[in-house]
Amino acid sequence: MVSRGLVEPRRGPGYFVIDKPVPKPADDEAGNLGRAMDVVWLMREHLVRKLADFGIGATPRQIVLTHGANEAMDIVIRYFVPPGGTVLVDDPGYYPLFGKLKLAGAQMLGVPRLHDGPDLDVLEQLLIAHRPRLFFTQSVAHNPTGRTCPPPRPSACSSWPRSTTC
């Protein structure tokens, strides 16, 4: 009842009922002092500004922070990939991801990795033929090749799902 603002501790034994409960500001209210001290919230607000620099609109409530890439992949797989769901992956690609997808019961289709990123012709064919749930790719410091895609390549990849109605 203390957390709901109905009672408060006072000097001496016990708690006292508050005459009129004070309404608490919403958690997402930026002016809230509690939010000003919340490191996670501050990080989310920072990421919103960074995403806006790239033309991506987001709110702090839409951003999920994780303890690393493996946890993030696990969350994405659990949410978006049902057992038997088809996904595209880099070939060669990040082997811990392959293990997570196998445990989830996903059907993985490899997209050959060229010196400058995914083979766009094969990617387009797989998108049209199989309508995958997701494409897991790594555009910067690709594991295991260590290569980075030039800027036009990731942009081309991100435009296909809309044009092929995946």
Protein backbone atom coordinates (compact mmCIF):
# COMPACT_ATOMS: atom_id res chain seq x y z
CA MET A 1 0.00 0.00 0.00
CA VAL A 2 3.02 2.26 0.47
CA SER A 3 3.97 1.88 -3.19
CA ARG A 4 0.43 2.83 -4.21
CA GLY A 5 0.55 5.98 -2.05
CA LEU A 6 -2.23 4.92 0.32
CA VAL A 7 -0.20 4.73 3.54
CA GLU A 8 3.13 6.13 4.70
CA PRO A 9 5.55 5.28 7.46
CA ARG A 10 5.95 7.82 10.25
CA ARG A 11 8.28 8.17 13.22
CA GLY A 12 7.27 5.58 15.77
CA PRO A 13 5.41 2.32 15.23
CA GLY A 14 3.11 1.62 12.34
CA TYR A 15 1.86 3.32 9.23
CA PHE A 16 -0.64 6.08 8.74
CA VAL A 17 -3.33 6.39 6.10
CA ILE A 18 -2.72 9.32 3.79
CA ASP A 19 -5.64 11.76 3.71
CA LYS A 20 -5.67 12.13 -0.05
CA PRO A 21 -3.54 9.88 -2.25
CA VAL A 22 -1.13 11.87 -4.40
CA PRO A 23 -1.34 10.82 -8.05
CA LYS A 24 1.96 9.56 -9.37
CA PRO A 25 3.20 10.76 -12.77
CA ALA A 26 3.26 8.22 -15.57
CA ASP A 27 6.46 6.18 -15.85
CA ASP A 28 7.16 7.49 -19.31
CA GLU A 29 6.85 11.14 -18.27
CA ALA A 30 10.26 12.67 -19.01
CA GLY A 31 9.91 15.29 -16.25
CA ASN A 32 9.60 12.66 -13.54
CA LEU A 33 12.57 12.87 -11.13
CA GLY A 34 12.56 9.08 -10.84
CA ARG A 35 12.97 8.88 -14.60
CA ALA A 36 15.81 11.40 -14.51
CA MET A 37 17.71 9.02 -12.22
CA ASP A 38 16.83 5.87 -14.20
CA VAL A 39 19.88 4.89 -16.25
CA VAL A 40 17.90 2.50 -18.43
CA TRP A 41 15.39 5.23 -19.30
CA LEU A 42 18.21 7.67 -20.07
CA MET A 43 19.83 5.10 -22.37
CA ARG A 44 16.52 4.58 -24.18
CA GLU A 45 16.08 8.34 -24.65
CA HIS A 46 19.64 8.57 -26.00
CA LEU A 47 18.93 5.74 -28.47
CA VAL A 48 15.73 7.49 -29.60
CA ARG A 49 17.81 10.56 -30.49
CA LYS A 50 20.44 8.45 -32.26
CA LEU A 51 17.79 6.59 -34.26
CA ALA A 52 16.21 9.93 -35.23
CA ASP A 53 19.58 10.92 -36.74
CA PHE A 54 19.10 7.97 -39.12
CA GLY A 55 15.50 8.91 -39.89
CA ILE A 56 14.01 6.20 -37.65
CA GLY A 57 11.13 7.30 -35.44
CA ALA A 58 10.90 5.53 -32.07
CA THR A 59 9.85 6.14 -28.48
CA PRO A 60 11.71 4.99 -25.35
CA ARG A 61 8.95 2.46 -24.65
CA GLN A 62 9.68 0.74 -28.00
CA ILE A 63 13.33 0.07 -27.18
CA VAL A 64 14.38 -3.14 -25.44
CA LEU A 65 17.83 -3.17 -23.85
CA THR A 66 19.57 -6.50 -23.39
CA HIS A 67 22.77 -7.83 -21.85
CA GLY A 68 24.22 -8.52 -25.28
CA ALA A 69 23.64 -9.80 -28.78
CA ASN A 70 22.91 -13.38 -27.71
CA GLU A 71 20.12 -12.33 -25.37
CA ALA A 72 18.73 -10.01 -28.05
CA MET A 73 18.72 -12.81 -30.64
CA ASP A 74 17.02 -15.14 -28.16
CA ILE A 75 14.24 -12.61 -27.52
CA VAL A 76 13.72 -11.97 -31.24
CA ILE A 77 13.63 -15.68 -32.05
CA ARG A 78 11.17 -16.48 -29.25
CA TYR A 79 8.85 -13.64 -30.31
CA PHE A 80 9.01 -13.77 -34.12
CA VAL A 81 9.92 -17.35 -35.10
CA PRO A 82 7.34 -20.06 -34.44
CA PRO A 83 8.38 -23.74 -34.65
CA GLY A 84 8.69 -24.60 -38.33
CA GLY A 85 8.99 -20.93 -39.32
CA THR A 86 11.37 -20.15 -42.17
CA VAL A 87 14.22 -17.71 -41.64
CA LEU A 88 17.13 -16.61 -43.80
CA VAL A 89 20.67 -16.57 -42.43
CA ASP A 90 24.09 -15.57 -43.71
CA ASP A 91 26.10 -18.47 -45.14
CA PRO A 92 28.65 -18.60 -43.58
CA GLY A 93 27.18 -17.02 -40.48
CA TYR A 94 27.20 -16.74 -36.71
CA TYR A 95 27.08 -20.33 -35.41
CA PRO A 96 25.54 -19.53 -31.97
CA LEU A 97 22.57 -18.09 -33.89
CA PHE A 98 22.20 -21.34 -35.81
CA GLY A 99 21.99 -23.26 -32.52
CA LYS A 100 19.30 -20.93 -31.18
CA LEU A 101 17.28 -21.27 -34.38
CA LYS A 102 17.62 -25.06 -34.34
CA LEU A 103 16.37 -25.20 -30.72
CA ALA A 104 13.41 -23.03 -31.75
CA GLY A 105 12.55 -25.48 -34.54
CA ALA A 106 13.13 -22.93 -37.30
CA GLN A 107 13.84 -23.86 -40.90
CA MET A 108 17.05 -22.03 -41.90
CA LEU A 109 17.85 -21.10 -45.49
CA GLY A 110 21.34 -19.81 -46.23
CA VAL A 111 22.03 -16.65 -48.20
CA PRO A 112 25.57 -16.82 -49.61
CA ARG A 113 27.85 -14.16 -48.17
CA LEU A 114 29.94 -12.40 -50.82
CA HIS A 115 32.94 -10.11 -50.23
CA ASP A 116 30.60 -7.10 -50.02
CA GLY A 117 27.63 -8.64 -48.20
CA PRO A 118 24.71 -10.97 -48.89
CA ASP A 119 24.19 -12.20 -52.46
CA LEU A 120 21.26 -9.95 -53.38
CA ASP A 121 20.09 -12.11 -56.29
CA VAL A 122 19.81 -15.22 -54.09
CA LEU A 123 18.24 -13.15 -51.31
CA GLU A 124 15.53 -11.86 -53.64
CA GLN A 125 14.79 -15.38 -54.94
CA LEU A 126 14.51 -16.78 -51.40
CA LEU A 127 12.27 -13.91 -50.28
CA ILE A 128 9.86 -14.53 -53.13
CA ALA A 129 9.92 -18.35 -52.98
CA HIS A 130 9.80 -18.91 -49.21
CA ARG A 131 8.37 -15.74 -47.62
CA PRO A 132 10.62 -16.03 -44.53
CA ARG A 133 9.77 -14.57 -41.13
CA LEU A 134 13.18 -12.87 -40.77
CA PHE A 135 16.59 -12.46 -42.34
CA PHE A 136 19.44 -12.62 -39.83
CA THR A 137 22.45 -10.84 -41.25
CA GLN A 138 25.38 -8.93 -39.86
CA SER A 139 26.34 -5.88 -41.91
CA VAL A 140 29.24 -4.63 -39.74
CA ALA A 141 32.21 -6.80 -38.70
CA HIS A 142 30.50 -9.95 -39.98
CA ASN A 143 31.24 -13.11 -38.02
CA PRO A 144 33.09 -15.21 -39.21
CA THR A 145 34.40 -13.25 -42.23
CA GLY A 146 35.11 -9.95 -40.45
CA ARG A 147 33.88 -7.97 -43.46
CA THR A 148 31.61 -4.91 -43.45
CA CYS A 149 28.99 -4.19 -46.12
CA PRO A 150 29.26 -0.92 -48.05
CA PRO A 151 26.32 1.41 -47.19
CA PRO A 152 24.13 0.74 -50.27
CA ARG A 153 23.95 -3.01 -49.63
CA PRO A 154 22.08 -2.98 -46.26
CA SER A 155 19.68 -0.37 -47.67
CA ALA A 156 18.89 -2.63 -50.60
CA CYS A 157 18.24 -5.55 -48.22
CA SER A 158 15.88 -3.55 -46.02
CA SER A 159 13.70 -2.38 -48.93
CA TRP A 160 12.84 -5.87 -50.24
CA PRO A 161 10.50 -7.08 -47.53
CA ARG A 162 8.06 -4.29 -48.38
CA SER A 163 8.32 -4.84 -52.12
CA THR A 164 7.95 -8.65 -51.94
CA THR A 165 5.20 -8.62 -49.27
CA CYS A 166 7.07 -10.97 -46.94
